[in-house]
């Protein structure tokens, strides 16, 4: 049995104009001890997915489908059971530790709070556990009395990781854990997460817009666009040979080190993701796609087999034209996608 299994998950936020869809029919599976990366631009639904797994969505949010954690549906749990599951079975590391931590409480007290609540230990036992957790994430135990503003960005992120591990969960969700950190500290935090995952046998759901980070740290990758999964499969294959034009655009956004032409003429994807209140018909990506065809605005896309254990929601995959996706010329930043190709649907 999978540790985490998301089935047909939909999430909509309330607004004056009606429900706004943020996640639309997502299916994901993560085995115990496994690693899954979730990629996509800002606004594609990644963080909403993370919040839905632990039912941390705002009041009034509408959800359907199921989020099975060790076979038990988080979306239908009673409040008491949900409180018991959070921290002890699954925990989350939020992006932006300075905003997630309480600025007027010592970091040690914040870590100890979850321990006292779930493990019913004495203050001395909780303090000992806090010291052990800080040492485990590479911080000296003497930093427990510090306030968040007295720590660097990387140190605060380590505190967040220590807090997430406080009650020995089996699933760790890391939502953009390296946001606003410099590249050296990013590498240290990612290395720490991998070491802890191996040491503790954790399952890791790593969420970021950086496809290269996921390729280096995850076994499998799922790519989201406009609230849906558009490609998923083994990490190396998804990154090196994308089967969906959107995945290819994300991969092309990384410059080639030492290549002057790449540095002076960056490629990627012009424009913005669609407004979830005004989604285009058919394949939602077609207005920005370099290889769209006449059928794309009306096509009912689904995840079709793309070889090598991958699936992709692209008509060219369905029709066996995967080479067309791989050979597509990247769209220069700031330019619109070329006109639709005249090809048979």
Protein backbone atom coordinates (compact mmCIF):
# COMPACT_ATOMS: atom_id res chain seq x y z
CA UNK A 1 0.00 0.00 0.00
CA UNK A 2 1.25 3.48 -0.89
CA UNK A 3 2.04 5.81 2.00
CA UNK A 4 0.33 8.72 0.22
CA UNK A 5 -2.25 8.33 -2.52
CA UNK A 6 -4.07 11.33 -3.98
CA UNK A 7 -7.10 10.44 -6.09
CA UNK A 8 -9.04 12.85 -8.32
CA UNK A 9 -8.31 15.75 -5.98
CA UNK A 10 -9.99 19.05 -6.77
CA UNK A 11 -9.65 22.23 -4.72
CA UNK A 12 -11.56 25.48 -5.28
CA UNK A 13 -11.23 28.74 -3.38
CA UNK A 14 -14.26 30.92 -2.68
CA UNK A 15 -14.55 34.36 -4.28
CA UNK A 16 -17.25 36.94 -4.93
CA UNK A 17 -17.42 35.80 -8.54
CA UNK A 18 -17.77 32.14 -7.56
CA UNK A 19 -15.48 29.19 -6.92
CA UNK A 20 -11.93 29.53 -8.30
CA UNK A 21 -10.37 26.15 -9.27
CA UNK A 22 -6.78 25.74 -8.05
CA UNK A 23 -6.33 21.95 -8.29
CA UNK A 24 -8.30 19.97 -10.86
CA UNK A 25 -8.46 16.19 -10.81
CA UNK A 26 -4.92 15.41 -9.60
CA UNK A 27 -3.71 11.83 -9.01
CA UNK A 28 -0.39 11.22 -7.22
CA UNK A 29 1.20 8.27 -5.42
CA UNK A 30 4.19 8.22 -3.06
CA UNK A 31 5.54 5.03 -1.50
CA UNK A 32 7.07 4.79 1.97
CA UNK A 33 10.68 5.99 1.84
CA UNK A 34 10.23 7.31 -1.71
CA UNK A 35 10.80 10.76 -3.19
CA UNK A 36 8.43 12.68 -5.46
CA UNK A 37 9.04 16.13 -6.90
CA UNK A 38 6.23 18.51 -7.84
CA UNK A 39 7.21 21.23 -10.32
CA UNK A 40 5.54 24.16 -12.04
CA UNK A 41 5.34 27.95 -12.22
CA UNK A 42 3.91 30.09 -9.45
CA UNK A 43 0.13 29.82 -9.45
CA UNK A 44 -0.06 26.32 -10.93
CA UNK A 45 -1.42 24.74 -7.72
CA UNK A 46 1.68 23.25 -6.06
CA UNK A 47 1.29 24.86 -2.64
CA UNK A 48 -2.45 24.20 -2.65
CA UNK A 49 -1.63 20.53 -3.20
CA UNK A 50 0.74 20.60 -0.22
CA UNK A 51 -1.84 22.24 2.02
CA UNK A 52 -4.56 19.82 0.93
CA UNK A 53 -2.51 16.78 1.99
CA UNK A 54 -2.68 17.93 5.63
CA UNK A 55 -5.99 19.79 5.26
CA UNK A 56 -4.46 23.18 5.95
CA UNK A 57 -6.66 25.03 3.47
CA UNK A 58 -8.55 28.22 4.38
CA UNK A 59 -12.10 28.03 5.67
CA UNK A 60 -14.63 27.91 2.87
CA UNK A 61 -12.34 26.05 0.47
CA UNK A 62 -14.13 23.28 -1.41
CA UNK A 63 -12.44 19.93 -1.93
CA UNK A 64 -13.41 16.65 -3.53
CA UNK A 65 -11.64 13.39 -4.25
CA UNK A 66 -9.47 11.75 -1.60
CA UNK A 67 -6.08 12.10 0.08
CA UNK A 68 -5.19 8.70 1.51
CA UNK A 69 -2.44 8.69 4.13
CA UNK A 70 -1.63 5.06 4.95
CA UNK A 71 -5.07 4.19 3.59
CA UNK A 72 -6.98 6.74 5.70
CA UNK A 73 -8.65 9.71 3.98
CA UNK A 74 -7.37 12.99 5.41
CA UNK A 75 -10.28 14.91 3.86
CA UNK A 76 -12.87 13.01 5.93
CA UNK A 77 -10.98 12.73 9.24
CA UNK A 78 -12.61 14.03 12.40
CA UNK A 79 -10.82 17.04 13.97
CA UNK A 80 -9.29 15.00 16.80
CA UNK A 81 -7.87 12.39 14.45
CA UNK A 82 -6.58 15.10 12.11
CA UNK A 83 -4.69 16.79 14.96
CA UNK A 84 -3.11 13.45 15.85
CA UNK A 85 -2.02 12.80 12.25
CA UNK A 86 -0.37 16.19 11.77
CA UNK A 87 3.25 16.16 12.98
CA UNK A 88 3.18 12.45 13.94
CA UNK A 89 2.44 10.90 10.54
CA UNK A 90 2.99 13.79 8.14
CA UNK A 91 4.60 17.21 8.56
CA UNK A 92 5.34 20.16 6.31
CA UNK A 93 8.25 22.58 5.87
CA UNK A 94 6.77 25.84 4.60
CA UNK A 95 8.50 28.25 2.26
CA UNK A 96 9.81 31.39 3.90
CA UNK A 97 10.80 30.37 7.43
CA UNK A 98 10.80 33.97 8.64
CA UNK A 99 7.08 34.13 7.94
CA UNK A 100 6.30 30.62 9.23
CA UNK A 101 8.10 31.03 12.58
CA UNK A 102 6.63 33.15 15.39
CA UNK A 103 8.97 36.18 15.61
CA UNK A 104 8.36 36.77 19.34
CA UNK A 105 8.96 33.22 20.56
CA UNK A 106 12.27 31.42 20.99
CA UNK A 107 12.84 28.76 18.34
CA UNK A 108 13.37 26.04 20.94
CA UNK A 109 9.96 26.75 22.48
CA UNK A 110 8.33 26.56 19.07
CA UNK A 111 9.86 23.15 18.39
CA UNK A 112 8.99 21.90 21.87
CA UNK A 113 5.33 22.85 21.52
CA UNK A 114 4.55 20.01 19.11
CA UNK A 115 6.56 17.55 21.22
CA UNK A 116 4.66 18.43 24.40
CA UNK A 117 1.32 18.25 22.62
CA UNK A 118 1.79 14.85 21.00
CA UNK A 119 4.24 12.98 23.24
CA UNK A 120 3.07 14.15 26.70
CA UNK A 121 6.63 14.62 28.00
CA UNK A 122 8.04 16.80 30.76
CA UNK A 123 9.60 20.17 30.02
CA UNK A 124 13.06 18.73 30.63
CA UNK A 125 12.45 15.82 28.26
CA UNK A 126 11.12 18.22 25.62
CA UNK A 127 14.19 20.46 26.00
CA UNK A 128 16.48 17.45 25.57
CA UNK A 129 14.61 16.41 22.43
CA UNK A 130 14.83 19.96 21.04
CA UNK A 131 18.60 19.92 21.49
CA UNK A 132 18.83 16.56 19.71
CA UNK A 133 16.74 17.83 16.81
CA UNK A 134 18.82 20.97 16.39
CA UNK A 135 22.01 18.91 16.37
CA UNK A 136 20.40 16.58 13.83
CA UNK A 137 19.82 19.43 11.39
CA UNK A 138 23.29 20.88 11.85
CA UNK A 139 22.66 23.56 14.48
CA UNK A 140 24.19 23.60 17.98
CA UNK A 141 21.71 22.96 20.79
CA UNK A 142 22.68 26.30 22.34
CA UNK A 143 20.69 28.09 19.61
CA UNK A 144 17.40 26.92 21.16
CA UNK A 145 16.93 30.19 23.16
CA UNK A 146 17.42 32.30 20.01
CA UNK A 147 14.66 34.30 18.36
CA UNK A 148 14.10 33.85 14.59
CA UNK A 149 15.59 37.26 13.74
CA UNK A 150 18.85 36.24 15.43
CA UNK A 151 19.36 33.41 12.92
CA UNK A 152 20.37 33.51 9.27
CA UNK A 153 17.98 32.41 6.53
CA UNK A 154 19.59 28.98 6.26
CA UNK A 155 19.54 28.51 10.03
CA UNK A 156 15.85 29.41 10.19
CA UNK A 157 15.12 26.87 7.48
CA UNK A 158 16.98 24.24 9.51
CA UNK A 159 14.80 25.14 12.50
CA UNK A 160 11.73 24.59 10.33
CA UNK A 161 13.04 21.17 9.33
CA UNK A 162 13.76 20.31 12.98
CA UNK A 163 10.22 21.34 13.89
CA UNK A 164 8.76 19.15 11.13
CA UNK A 165 10.76 16.17 12.42
CA UNK A 166 9.81 16.75 16.07
CA UNK A 167 7.29 13.90 16.25
CA UNK A 168 9.01 11.47 13.86
CA UNK A 169 6.60 11.61 10.88
CA UNK A 170 6.79 9.13 8.02
CA UNK A 171 6.00 11.76 5.36
CA UNK A 172 7.77 15.10 4.99
CA UNK A 173 6.38 17.74 2.62
CA UNK A 174 8.91 20.42 1.71
CA UNK A 175 7.16 23.34 -0.02
CA UNK A 176 9.78 25.53 -1.72
CA UNK A 177 12.24 24.93 1.17
CA UNK A 178 15.04 26.97 -0.43
CA UNK A 179 13.08 30.10 -1.39
CA UNK A 180 15.12 33.33 -0.96
CA UNK A 181 18.29 31.43 0.04
CA UNK A 182 21.58 31.89 -1.81
CA UNK A 183 22.81 29.00 -3.94
CA UNK A 184 25.33 27.72 -1.39
CA UNK A 185 22.76 27.60 1.41
CA UNK A 186 20.21 26.05 -0.97
CA UNK A 187 22.63 23.21 -1.65
CA UNK A 188 23.23 22.71 2.09
CA UNK A 189 19.50 22.56 2.87
CA UNK A 190 18.81 20.12 0.04
CA UNK A 191 21.72 17.91 1.10
CA UNK A 192 20.40 17.96 4.66
CA UNK A 193 16.93 16.90 3.52
CA UNK A 194 18.36 13.99 1.56
CA UNK A 195 20.57 12.85 4.44
CA UNK A 196 17.65 12.99 6.87
CA UNK A 197 15.39 11.15 4.44
CA UNK A 198 17.87 8.29 4.16
CA UNK A 199 18.71 8.21 7.86
CA UNK A 200 15.09 8.30 9.07
CA UNK A 201 13.44 6.40 6.21
CA UNK A 202 11.18 9.33 5.34
CA UNK A 203 9.01 9.72 2.28
CA UNK A 204 9.65 13.16 0.76
CA UNK A 205 7.33 15.30 -1.34
CA UNK A 206 9.56 18.12 -2.61
CA UNK A 207 7.81 21.09 -4.22
CA UNK A 208 9.65 23.74 -6.25
CA UNK A 209 9.64 25.59 -9.57
CA UNK A 210 13.26 24.50 -10.11
CA UNK A 211 13.17 21.38 -12.28
CA UNK A 212 16.92 20.78 -11.94
CA UNK A 213 16.62 20.57 -8.13
CA UNK A 214 13.95 17.89 -8.46
CA UNK A 215 15.96 15.95 -11.04
CA UNK A 216 18.91 15.84 -8.64
CA UNK A 217 16.95 14.97 -5.50
CA UNK A 218 13.87 12.94 -6.47
CA UNK A 219 13.14 9.54 -7.98
CA UNK A 220 10.03 10.75 -9.80
CA UNK A 221 8.71 14.12 -10.96
CA UNK A 222 5.18 15.36 -11.57
CA UNK A 223 4.76 18.64 -13.48
CA UNK A 224 1.69 20.83 -12.83
CA UNK A 225 0.13 23.43 -15.09
CA UNK A 226 -3.17 25.26 -14.47
CA UNK A 227 -4.02 22.94 -11.59
CA UNK A 228 -3.44 19.67 -13.45
CA UNK A 229 -0.60 17.18 -13.83
CA UNK A 230 0.68 17.46 -17.41
CA UNK A 231 3.64 15.08 -17.16
CA UNK A 232 4.99 12.57 -14.67
CA UNK A 233 7.67 9.91 -14.68
CA UNK A 234 11.25 9.07 -13.63
CA UNK A 235 13.08 12.26 -12.67
CA UNK A 236 16.08 11.94 -14.99
CA UNK A 237 13.97 11.16 -18.06
CA UNK A 238 11.47 13.94 -17.40
CA UNK A 239 14.28 16.50 -17.05
CA UNK A 240 16.55 15.31 -19.85
CA UNK A 241 13.93 14.33 -22.46
CA UNK A 242 10.61 16.06 -21.66
CA UNK A 243 7.46 14.65 -23.27
CA UNK A 244 5.32 17.77 -22.76
CA UNK A 245 6.06 21.22 -24.27
CA UNK A 246 5.56 22.88 -20.88
CA UNK A 247 8.11 20.61 -19.20
CA UNK A 248 10.53 21.31 -22.04
CA UNK A 249 10.07 25.06 -21.54
CA UNK A 250 10.82 24.71 -17.82
CA UNK A 251 13.97 22.72 -18.59
CA UNK A 252 15.07 25.26 -21.25
CA UNK A 253 14.86 28.06 -18.68
CA UNK A 254 18.21 26.95 -17.22
CA UNK A 255 21.19 28.54 -19.02
CA UNK A 256 24.13 26.47 -20.16
CA UNK A 257 27.11 27.31 -17.96
CA UNK A 258 29.91 28.80 -20.04
CA UNK A 259 27.72 29.30 -23.12
CA UNK A 260 27.79 33.03 -23.98
CA UNK A 261 24.87 32.74 -26.42
CA UNK A 262 22.72 31.08 -23.79
CA UNK A 263 23.57 33.78 -21.25
CA UNK A 264 22.79 36.66 -23.63
CA UNK A 265 19.65 35.13 -25.14
CA UNK A 266 17.81 33.31 -22.35
CA UNK A 267 15.04 30.94 -23.34
CA UNK A 268 12.10 29.63 -21.46
CA UNK A 269 8.46 30.52 -21.73
CA UNK A 270 6.91 33.89 -22.41
CA UNK A 271 3.64 35.03 -20.90
CA UNK A 272 1.89 33.89 -17.73
CA UNK A 273 -0.17 30.89 -16.63
CA UNK A 274 -3.89 31.30 -17.34
CA UNK A 275 -6.24 32.91 -14.84
CA UNK A 276 -7.96 29.97 -13.10
CA UNK A 277 -11.26 31.84 -13.46
CA UNK A 278 -10.87 32.04 -17.24
CA UNK A 279 -9.17 28.85 -18.34
CA UNK A 280 -8.81 28.32 -22.09
CA UNK A 281 -10.64 25.42 -23.68
CA UNK A 282 -9.05 22.10 -24.55
CA UNK A 283 -5.39 21.86 -23.53
CA UNK A 284 -4.88 24.80 -21.17
CA UNK A 285 -1.28 25.20 -22.34
CA UNK A 286 -2.06 25.71 -26.03
CA UNK A 287 -2.00 29.57 -26.02
CA UNK A 288 1.67 29.47 -24.96
CA UNK A 289 2.71 26.30 -26.79
CA UNK A 290 5.31 26.35 -29.58
CA UNK A 291 3.90 23.16 -31.17
CA UNK A 292 0.15 23.59 -30.74
CA UNK A 293 -2.14 22.41 -33.55
CA UNK A 294 -5.71 23.19 -34.59
CA UNK A 295 -7.15 20.45 -32.37
CA UNK A 296 -5.55 21.69 -29.14
CA UNK A 297 -8.18 24.34 -28.17
CA UNK A 298 -10.93 21.69 -28.15
CA UNK A 299 -9.04 18.50 -27.30
CA UNK A 300 -9.99 16.65 -24.11
CA UNK A 301 -6.43 15.86 -22.95
CA UNK A 302 -5.41 13.16 -20.51
CA UNK A 303 -2.14 11.59 -19.38
CA UNK A 304 -1.15 9.31 -22.26
CA UNK A 305 1.79 6.82 -22.08
CA UNK A 306 5.04 8.48 -23.21
CA UNK A 307 7.47 5.58 -22.78
CA UNK A 308 10.09 4.94 -20.07
CA UNK A 309 7.42 4.84 -17.35
CA UNK A 310 6.22 8.34 -18.23
CA UNK A 311 2.84 9.85 -19.04
CA UNK A 312 2.12 13.24 -20.61
CA UNK A 313 -1.01 15.22 -21.45
CA UNK A 314 -0.11 16.25 -24.99
CA UNK A 315 -1.76 15.38 -28.30
CA UNK A 316 1.65 14.73 -29.86
CA UNK A 317 2.26 12.01 -27.27
CA UNK A 318 -1.10 10.46 -28.05
CA UNK A 319 -0.33 10.51 -31.77
CA UNK A 320 3.22 9.21 -31.43
CA UNK A 321 4.86 12.52 -32.44
CA UNK A 322 7.08 12.80 -29.39
CA UNK A 323 10.04 13.95 -31.50
CA UNK A 324 8.06 17.07 -32.45
CA UNK A 325 7.95 18.06 -28.77
CA UNK A 326 11.66 17.40 -28.24
CA UNK A 327 12.72 19.34 -31.33
CA UNK A 328 10.52 22.36 -30.64
CA UNK A 329 12.44 25.64 -30.68
CA UNK A 330 12.35 27.27 -27.23
CA UNK A 331 10.33 30.48 -27.06
CA UNK A 332 12.55 33.49 -26.21
CA UNK A 333 11.54 35.22 -23.00
CA UNK A 334 9.11 38.06 -23.70
CA UNK A 335 7.91 36.71 -27.06
CA UNK A 336 4.59 35.09 -27.88
CA UNK A 337 4.25 31.50 -29.00
CA UNK A 338 4.25 30.98 -32.78
CA UNK A 339 1.02 30.44 -34.67
CA UNK A 340 -0.63 27.04 -34.49
CA UNK A 341 0.68 24.39 -36.83
CA UNK A 342 -1.60 23.00 -39.50
CA UNK A 343 -1.54 19.31 -38.65
CA UNK A 344 -4.14 16.62 -38.59
CA UNK A 345 -5.86 16.37 -35.18
